[in-house]
Each structure stands twice: as C-alpha cells, then as structure tokens.
Amino acid sequence: MKIQLRYFASIREAIGSGSESVETAAATLAGLRDELIARGGPHAEALARGRAVRVSINQTMADESAVLTDGAEVAFFPPVTGG
C-alpha cells in the first residue's frame, strides 16, 4: 500500500526531508517504523527504538499497534513539552 509520511522538528532535521510517499507492506505503525529503521542512515538514527517518538495517523495520535490503510498520512515527531 502507498502512504504519505511527514516528519517534524528534530526528526525532519535528521532525515533531511519533511515528507515522502512510500510503498509499505507493514500492517501497523510498529511495522512501518521497523521498515524505516531498516533503511539505515538517518532514518535508523532518528526513529531508533530507544528514542522517544510520537506518531499520528490521519492527524490523530496513535500508538504503534494502529492499523495502516492505503493512502494514510503518518506523522512522526518528537515529544513536545511546554511551559
């Protein structure tokens, strides 16, 4: 299936792009994250399992068990704190 990825803040800076379209065989957000980590390089570093990363699907916050659908928009961003 084809999905749209969006990257924000420090993740966008590390990857060097704010968005991309990808073909994925992943069924869930966790599987997608693993596919992106497997690319190596900046994707592996920015999305590594030890890093705190928030994810949304179709502009709704989701955990990594969320199911992907064709045409979905998935966004990755670091946790945000305010004060």
PDB file of N, CA and C in Angstrom:
ATOM      1  N   MET A   1       0.839  -1.179   0.000  1.00  0.00           N
ATOM      2  CA  MET A   1       0.000   0.000   0.000  1.00  0.00           C
ATOM      3  C   MET A   1       0.883   1.242   0.000  1.00  0.00           C
ATOM      4  N   LYS A   2       0.320   2.322  -0.484  1.00  0.00           N
ATOM      5  CA  LYS A   2       1.057   3.581  -0.550  1.00  0.00           C
ATOM      6  C   LYS A   2       0.557   4.500   0.558  1.00  0.00           C
ATOM      7  N   ILE A   3       1.505   5.085   1.290  1.00  0.00           N
ATOM      8  CA  ILE A   3       1.162   6.027   2.357  1.00  0.00           C
ATOM      9  C   ILE A   3       2.033   7.270   2.247  1.00  0.00           C
ATOM     10  N   GLN A   4       1.579   8.323   2.890  1.00  0.00           N
ATOM     11  CA  GLN A   4       2.324   9.592   2.932  1.00  0.00           C
ATOM     12  C   GLN A   4       2.945   9.728   4.313  1.00  0.00           C
ATOM     13  N   LEU A   5       4.242   9.979   4.362  1.00  0.00           N
ATOM     14  CA  LEU A   5       4.934  10.200   5.630  1.00  0.00           C
ATOM     15  C   LEU A   5       5.243  11.666   5.801  1.00  0.00           C
ATOM     16  N   ARG A   6       5.126  12.136   7.022  1.00  0.00           N
ATOM     17  CA  ARG A   6       5.510  13.505   7.373  1.00  0.00           C
ATOM     18  C   ARG A   6       6.422  13.430   8.597  1.00  0.00           C
ATOM     19  N   TYR A   7       7.464  14.259   8.567  1.00  0.00           N
ATOM     20  CA  TYR A   7       8.426  14.314   9.659  1.00  0.00           C
ATOM     21  C   TYR A   7       8.464  15.732  10.201  1.00  0.00           C
ATOM     22  N   PHE A   8       8.542  15.877  11.526  1.00  0.00           N
ATOM     23  CA  PHE A   8       8.518  17.195  12.142  1.00  0.00           C
ATOM     24  C   PHE A   8       9.694  17.399  13.088  1.00  0.00           C
ATOM     25  N   ALA A   9      10.051  18.666  13.274  1.00  0.00           N
ATOM     26  CA  ALA A   9      11.047  19.133  14.251  1.00  0.00           C
ATOM     27  C   ALA A   9      12.386  18.417  14.060  1.00  0.00           C
ATOM     28  N   SER A  10      12.958  17.891  15.129  1.00  0.00           N
ATOM     29  CA  SER A  10      14.294  17.295  15.057  1.00  0.00           C
ATOM     30  C   SER A  10      14.332  16.060  14.162  1.00  0.00           C
ATOM     31  N   ILE A  11      13.223  15.362  14.016  1.00  0.00           N
ATOM     32  CA  ILE A  11      13.197  14.196  13.125  1.00  0.00           C
ATOM     33  C   ILE A  11      13.327  14.661  11.677  1.00  0.00           C
ATOM     34  N   ARG A  12      12.613  15.714  11.317  1.00  0.00           N
ATOM     35  CA  ARG A  12      12.730  16.283   9.964  1.00  0.00           C
ATOM     36  C   ARG A  12      14.162  16.730   9.703  1.00  0.00           C
ATOM     37  N   GLU A  13      14.771  17.385  10.682  1.00  0.00           N
ATOM     38  CA  GLU A  13      16.151  17.848  10.516  1.00  0.00           C
ATOM     39  C   GLU A  13      17.106  16.682  10.325  1.00  0.00           C
ATOM     40  N   ALA A  14      16.933  15.615  11.097  1.00  0.00           N
ATOM     41  CA  ALA A  14      17.825  14.459  10.998  1.00  0.00           C
ATOM     42  C   ALA A  14      17.673  13.738   9.659  1.00  0.00           C
ATOM     43  N   ILE A  15      16.435  13.588   9.191  1.00  0.00           N
ATOM     44  CA  ILE A  15      16.181  12.872   7.947  1.00  0.00           C
ATOM     45  C   ILE A  15      16.476  13.740   6.733  1.00  0.00           C
ATOM     46  N   GLY A  16      16.305  15.045   6.887  1.00  0.00           N
ATOM     47  CA  GLY A  16      16.604  15.957   5.800  1.00  0.00           C
ATOM     48  C   GLY A  16      15.439  16.194   4.858  1.00  0.00           C
ATOM     49  N   SER A  17      14.252  15.813   5.288  1.00  0.00           N
ATOM     50  CA  SER A  17      13.058  15.996   4.469  1.00  0.00           C
ATOM     51  C   SER A  17      11.844  16.088   5.375  1.00  0.00           C
ATOM     52  N   GLY A  18      10.842  16.843   4.944  1.00  0.00           N
ATOM     53  CA  GLY A  18       9.623  16.974   5.723  1.00  0.00           C
ATOM     54  C   GLY A  18       8.556  15.970   5.364  1.00  0.00           C
ATOM     55  N   SER A  19       8.673  15.354   4.182  1.00  0.00           N
ATOM     56  CA  SER A  19       7.659  14.391   3.777  1.00  0.00           C
ATOM     57  C   SER A  19       8.170  13.500   2.657  1.00  0.00           C
ATOM     58  N   GLU A  20       7.491  12.375   2.484  1.00  0.00           N
ATOM     59  CA  GLU A  20       7.765  11.462   1.376  1.00  0.00           C
ATOM     60  C   GLU A  20       6.601  10.496   1.240  1.00  0.00           C
ATOM     61  N   SER A  21       6.427   9.966   0.056  1.00  0.00           N
ATOM     62  CA  SER A  21       5.464   8.902  -0.189  1.00  0.00           C
ATOM     63  C   SER A  21       6.225   7.594  -0.250  1.00  0.00           C
ATOM     64  N   VAL A  22       5.681   6.562   0.382  1.00  0.00           N
ATOM     65  CA  VAL A  22       6.359   5.264   0.381  1.00  0.00           C
ATOM     66  C   VAL A  22       5.358   4.143   0.135  1.00  0.00           C
ATOM     67  N   GLU A  23       5.862   3.078  -0.426  1.00  0.00           N
ATOM     68  CA  GLU A  23       5.128   1.824  -0.528  1.00  0.00           C
ATOM     69  C   GLU A  23       5.549   0.985   0.669  1.00  0.00           C
ATOM     70  N   THR A  24       4.584   0.399   1.365  1.00  0.00           N
ATOM     71  CA  THR A  24       4.900  -0.399   2.533  1.00  0.00           C
ATOM     72  C   THR A  24       4.090  -1.689   2.553  1.00  0.00           C
ATOM     73  N   ALA A  25       4.677  -2.716   3.131  1.00  0.00           N
ATOM     74  CA  ALA A  25       3.972  -3.969   3.358  1.00  0.00           C
ATOM     75  C   ALA A  25       3.545  -4.062   4.817  1.00  0.00           C
ATOM     76  N   ALA A  26       3.898  -3.039   5.618  1.00  0.00           N
ATOM     77  CA  ALA A  26       3.599  -3.055   7.048  1.00  0.00           C
ATOM     78  C   ALA A  26       2.092  -2.984   7.290  1.00  0.00           C
ATOM     79  N   ALA A  27       1.636  -3.699   8.299  1.00  0.00           N
ATOM     80  CA  ALA A  27       0.221  -3.685   8.660  1.00  0.00           C
ATOM     81  C   ALA A  27      -0.069  -2.674   9.763  1.00  0.00           C
ATOM     82  N   THR A  28       0.954  -2.339  10.550  1.00  0.00           N
ATOM     83  CA  THR A  28       0.772  -1.449  11.699  1.00  0.00           C
ATOM     84  C   THR A  28       1.836  -0.354  11.691  1.00  0.00           C
ATOM     85  N   LEU A  29       1.635   0.632  12.559  1.00  0.00           N
ATOM     86  CA  LEU A  29       2.645   1.686  12.699  1.00  0.00           C
ATOM     87  C   LEU A  29       3.968   1.121  13.185  1.00  0.00           C
ATOM     88  N   ALA A  30       3.928   0.116  14.057  1.00  0.00           N
ATOM     89  CA  ALA A  30       5.172  -0.506  14.537  1.00  0.00           C
ATOM     90  C   ALA A  30       5.938  -1.131  13.379  1.00  0.00           C
ATOM     91  N   GLY A  31       5.235  -1.840  12.509  1.00  0.00           N
ATOM     92  CA  GLY A  31       5.882  -2.443  11.345  1.00  0.00           C
ATOM     93  C   GLY A  31       6.455  -1.402  10.410  1.00  0.00           C
ATOM     94  N   LEU A  32       5.739  -0.309  10.228  1.00  0.00           N
ATOM     95  CA  LEU A  32       6.233   0.785   9.391  1.00  0.00           C
ATOM     96  C   LEU A  32       7.501   1.383   9.982  1.00  0.00           C
ATOM     97  N   ARG A  33       7.482   1.637  11.272  1.00  0.00           N
ATOM     98  CA  ARG A  33       8.673   2.200  11.921  1.00  0.00           C
ATOM     99  C   ARG A  33       9.855   1.259  11.748  1.00  0.00           C
ATOM    100  N   ASP A  34       9.632  -0.050  11.908  1.00  0.00           N
ATOM    101  CA  ASP A  34      10.711  -1.022  11.712  1.00  0.00           C
ATOM    102  C   ASP A  34      11.235  -1.000  10.279  1.00  0.00           C
ATOM    103  N   GLU A  35      10.341  -0.867   9.296  1.00  0.00           N
ATOM    104  CA  GLU A  35      10.789  -0.776   7.893  1.00  0.00           C
ATOM    105  C   GLU A  35      11.661   0.454   7.686  1.00  0.00           C
ATOM    106  N   LEU A  36      11.251   1.574   8.262  1.00  0.00           N
ATOM    107  CA  LEU A  36      12.026   2.808   8.097  1.00  0.00           C
ATOM    108  C   LEU A  36      13.376   2.698   8.802  1.00  0.00           C
ATOM    109  N   ILE A  37      13.411   2.101   9.980  1.00  0.00           N
ATOM    110  CA  ILE A  37      14.676   1.896  10.700  1.00  0.00           C
ATOM    111  C   ILE A  37      15.605   1.013   9.869  1.00  0.00           C
ATOM    112  N   ALA A  38      15.037   0.008   9.205  1.00  0.00           N
ATOM    113  CA  ALA A  38      15.845  -0.926   8.401  1.00  0.00           C
ATOM    114  C   ALA A  38      16.509  -0.244   7.205  1.00  0.00           C
ATOM    115  N   ARG A  39      16.037   0.932   6.811  1.00  0.00           N
ATOM    116  CA  ARG A  39      16.702   1.682   5.741  1.00  0.00           C
ATOM    117  C   ARG A  39      18.123   2.066   6.131  1.00  0.00           C
ATOM    118  N   GLY A  40      18.353   2.174   7.437  1.00  0.00           N
ATOM    119  CA  GLY A  40      19.656   2.601   7.923  1.00  0.00           C
ATOM    120  C   GLY A  40      19.791   4.112   7.837  1.00  0.00           C
ATOM    121  N   GLY A  41      21.004   4.587   8.049  1.00  0.00           N
ATOM    122  CA  GLY A  41      21.306   6.009   7.932  1.00  0.00           C
ATOM    123  C   GLY A  41      20.453   6.881   8.833  1.00  0.00           C
ATOM    124  N   PRO A  42      20.033   8.044   8.333  1.00  0.00           N
ATOM    125  CA  PRO A  42      19.301   8.988   9.176  1.00  0.00           C
ATOM    126  C   PRO A  42      17.955   8.460   9.670  1.00  0.00           C
ATOM    127  N   HIS A  43      17.283   7.618   8.875  1.00  0.00           N
ATOM    128  CA  HIS A  43      16.014   7.052   9.339  1.00  0.00           C
ATOM    129  C   HIS A  43      16.237   6.178  10.567  1.00  0.00           C
ATOM    130  N   ALA A  44      17.275   5.344  10.512  1.00  0.00           N
ATOM    131  CA  ALA A  44      17.571   4.458  11.636  1.00  0.00           C
ATOM    132  C   ALA A  44      17.906   5.249  12.890  1.00  0.00           C
ATOM    133  N   GLU A  45      18.651   6.320  12.731  1.00  0.00           N
ATOM    134  CA  GLU A  45      19.046   7.121  13.880  1.00  0.00           C
ATOM    135  C   GLU A  45      17.860   7.906  14.461  1.00  0.00           C
ATOM    136  N   ALA A  46      17.096   8.559  13.605  1.00  0.00           N
ATOM    137  CA  ALA A  46      16.003   9.417  14.071  1.00  0.00           C
ATOM    138  C   ALA A  46      14.840   8.632  14.660  1.00  0.00           C
ATOM    139  N   LEU A  47      14.594   7.414  14.149  1.00  0.00           N
ATOM    140  CA  LEU A  47      13.434   6.627  14.576  1.00  0.00           C
ATOM    141  C   LEU A  47      13.802   5.418  15.419  1.00  0.00           C
ATOM    142  N   ALA A  48      15.059   5.340  15.871  1.00  0.00           N
ATOM    143  CA  ALA A  48      15.543   4.191  16.649  1.00  0.00           C
ATOM    144  C   ALA A  48      14.605   3.856  17.803  1.00  0.00           C
ATOM    145  N   ARG A  49      14.526   2.603  18.120  1.00  0.00           N
ATOM    146  CA  ARG A  49      13.632   2.124  19.167  1.00  0.00           C
ATOM    147  C   ARG A  49      13.907   2.754  20.530  1.00  0.00           C
ATOM    148  N   GLY A  50      15.114   3.148  20.825  1.00  0.00           N
ATOM    149  CA  GLY A  50      15.420   3.760  22.112  1.00  0.00           C
ATOM    150  C   GLY A  50      15.019   5.228  22.212  1.00  0.00           C
ATOM    151  N   ARG A  51      14.609   5.818  21.095  1.00  0.00           N
ATOM    152  CA  ARG A  51      14.259   7.245  21.071  1.00  0.00           C
ATOM    153  C   ARG A  51      12.766   7.436  21.294  1.00  0.00           C
ATOM    154  N   ALA A  52      12.441   8.504  21.992  1.00  0.00           N
ATOM    155  CA  ALA A  52      11.033   8.850  22.195  1.00  0.00           C
ATOM    156  C   ALA A  52      10.507   9.485  20.912  1.00  0.00           C
ATOM    157  N   VAL A  53       9.538   8.838  20.294  1.00  0.00           N
ATOM    158  CA  VAL A  53       8.951   9.317  19.049  1.00  0.00           C
ATOM    159  C   VAL A  53       7.436   9.209  19.169  1.00  0.00           C
ATOM    160  N   ARG A  54       6.737  10.272  18.839  1.00  0.00           N
ATOM    161  CA  ARG A  54       5.272  10.260  18.814  1.00  0.00           C
ATOM    162  C   ARG A  54       4.834  10.014  17.377  1.00  0.00           C
ATOM    163  N   VAL A  55       3.662   9.388  17.229  1.00  0.00           N
ATOM    164  CA  VAL A  55       3.170   9.051  15.893  1.00  0.00           C
ATOM    165  C   VAL A  55       1.685   9.385  15.795  1.00  0.00           C
ATOM    166  N   SER A  56       1.297   9.898  14.654  1.00  0.00           N
ATOM    167  CA  SER A  56      -0.131  10.087  14.386  1.00  0.00           C
ATOM    168  C   SER A  56      -0.455   9.443  13.046  1.00  0.00           C
ATOM    169  N   ILE A  57      -1.698   9.046  12.915  1.00  0.00           N
ATOM    170  CA  ILE A  57      -2.187   8.513  11.651  1.00  0.00           C
ATOM    171  C   ILE A  57      -3.447   9.299  11.288  1.00  0.00           C
ATOM    172  N   ASN A  58      -3.437   9.859  10.102  1.00  0.00           N
ATOM    173  CA  ASN A  58      -4.536  10.705   9.640  1.00  0.00           C
ATOM    174  C   ASN A  58      -4.884  11.786  10.662  1.00  0.00           C
ATOM    175  N   GLN A  59      -3.836  12.414  11.187  1.00  0.00           N
ATOM    176  CA  GLN A  59      -3.914  13.551  12.114  1.00  0.00           C
ATOM    177  C   GLN A  59      -4.557  13.211  13.456  1.00  0.00           C
ATOM    178  N   THR A  60      -4.471  11.943  13.857  1.00  0.00           N
ATOM    179  CA  THR A  60      -4.944  11.510  15.168  1.00  0.00           C
ATOM    180  C   THR A  60      -3.811  10.756  15.856  1.00  0.00           C
ATOM    181  N   MET A  61      -3.483  11.165  17.087  1.00  0.00           N
ATOM    182  CA  MET A  61      -2.427  10.475  17.825  1.00  0.00           C
ATOM    183  C   MET A  61      -2.753   8.989  17.923  1.00  0.00           C
ATOM    184  N   ALA A  62      -1.737   8.160  17.791  1.00  0.00           N
ATOM    185  CA  ALA A  62      -1.951   6.711  17.799  1.00  0.00           C
ATOM    186  C   ALA A  62      -0.774   6.021  18.448  1.00  0.00           C
ATOM    187  N   ASP A  63      -1.024   4.824  18.972  1.00  0.00           N
ATOM    188  CA  ASP A  63       0.102   4.014  19.424  1.00  0.00           C
ATOM    189  C   ASP A  63       0.523   3.123  18.257  1.00  0.00           C
ATOM    190  N   GLU A  64       1.611   2.427  18.433  1.00  0.00           N
ATOM    191  CA  GLU A  64       2.189   1.693  17.312  1.00  0.00           C
ATOM    192  C   GLU A  64       1.395   0.456  16.903  1.00  0.00           C
ATOM    193  N   SER A  65       0.355   0.113  17.638  1.00  0.00           N
ATOM    194  CA  SER A  65      -0.478  -1.023  17.237  1.00  0.00           C
ATOM    195  C   SER A  65      -1.551  -0.610  16.226  1.00  0.00           C
ATOM    196  N   ALA A  66      -1.668   0.692  15.939  1.00  0.00           N
ATOM    197  CA  ALA A  66      -2.670   1.179  14.989  1.00  0.00           C
ATOM    198  C   ALA A  66      -2.445   0.567  13.608  1.00  0.00           C
ATOM    199  N   VAL A  67      -3.540   0.215  12.963  1.00  0.00           N
ATOM    200  CA  VAL A  67      -3.505  -0.434  11.656  1.00  0.00           C
ATOM    201  C   VAL A  67      -3.391   0.617  10.553  1.00  0.00           C
ATOM    202  N   LEU A  68      -2.507   0.338   9.601  1.00  0.00           N
ATOM    203  CA  LEU A  68      -2.332   1.221   8.446  1.00  0.00           C
ATOM    204  C   LEU A  68      -3.367   0.905   7.376  1.00  0.00           C
ATOM    205  N   THR A  69      -3.760   1.936   6.638  1.00  0.00           N
ATOM    206  CA  THR A  69      -4.648   1.762   5.498  1.00  0.00           C
ATOM    207  C   THR A  69      -4.035   2.464   4.297  1.00  0.00           C
ATOM    208  N   ASP A  70      -4.382   1.993   3.128  1.00  0.00           N
ATOM    209  CA  ASP A  70      -3.865   2.596   1.905  1.00  0.00           C
ATOM    210  C   ASP A  70      -4.229   4.075   1.863  1.00  0.00           C
ATOM    211  N   GLY A  71      -3.260   4.908   1.536  1.00  0.00           N
ATOM    212  CA  GLY A  71      -3.477   6.340   1.445  1.00  0.00           C
ATOM    213  C   GLY A  71      -3.366   7.085   2.762  1.00  0.00           C
ATOM    214  N   ALA A  72      -3.042   6.398   3.837  1.00  0.00           N
ATOM    215  CA  ALA A  72      -2.945   7.039   5.149  1.00  0.00           C
ATOM    216  C   ALA A  72      -1.814   8.056   5.181  1.00  0.00           C
ATOM    217  N   GLU A  73      -1.962   9.047   6.060  1.00  0.00           N
ATOM    218  CA  GLU A  73      -0.905  10.012   6.339  1.00  0.00           C
ATOM    219  C   GLU A  73      -0.380   9.690   7.729  1.00  0.00           C
ATOM    220  N   VAL A  74       0.910   9.407   7.812  1.00  0.00           N
ATOM    221  CA  VAL A  74       1.553   9.073   9.079  1.00  0.00           C
ATOM    222  C   VAL A  74       2.578  10.150   9.389  1.00  0.00           C
ATOM    223  N   ALA A  75       2.518  10.682  10.599  1.00  0.00           N
ATOM    224  CA  ALA A  75       3.455  11.725  11.012  1.00  0.00           C
ATOM    225  C   ALA A  75       4.284  11.247  12.194  1.00  0.00           C
ATOM    226  N   PHE A  76       5.569  11.529  12.143  1.00  0.00           N
ATOM    227  CA  PHE A  76       6.496  11.213  13.232  1.00  0.00           C
ATOM    228  C   PHE A  76       7.021  12.524  13.782  1.00  0.00           C
ATOM    229  N   PHE A  77       7.041  12.653  15.102  1.00  0.00           N
ATOM    230  CA  PHE A  77       7.586  13.853  15.715  1.00  0.00           C
ATOM    231  C   PHE A  77       8.048  13.551  17.129  1.00  0.00           C
ATOM    232  N   PRO A  78       9.007  14.345  17.633  1.00  0.00           N
ATOM    233  CA  PRO A  78       9.488  14.135  18.995  1.00  0.00           C
ATOM    234  C   PRO A  78       8.436  14.602  19.991  1.00  0.00           C
ATOM    235  N   PRO A  79       8.498  14.099  21.213  1.00  0.00           N
ATOM    236  CA  PRO A  79       7.569  14.592  22.237  1.00  0.00           C
ATOM    237  C   PRO A  79       7.775  16.102  22.427  1.00  0.00           C
ATOM    238  N   VAL A  80       6.696  16.793  22.714  1.00  0.00           N
ATOM    239  CA  VAL A  80       6.737  18.234  22.866  1.00  0.00           C
ATOM    240  C   VAL A  80       6.413  18.576  24.327  1.00  0.00           C
ATOM    241  N   THR A  81       7.202  19.454  24.879  1.00  0.00           N
ATOM    242  CA  THR A  81       6.905  19.930  26.232  1.00  0.00           C
ATOM    243  C   THR A  81       6.650  21.427  26.174  1.00  0.00           C
ATOM    244  N   GLY A  82       5.888  21.875  27.068  1.00  0.00           N
ATOM    245  CA  GLY A  82       5.607  23.299  27.098  1.00  0.00           C
ATOM    246  C   GLY A  82       5.763  23.845  28.504  1.00  0.00           C
ATOM    247  N   GLY A  83       5.702  25.120  28.623  1.00  0.00           N
ATOM    248  CA  GLY A  83       5.832  25.656  29.964  1.00  0.00           C
ATOM    249  C   GLY A  83       5.653  27.142  29.995  1.00  0.00           C
TER     250      GLY A  83
END
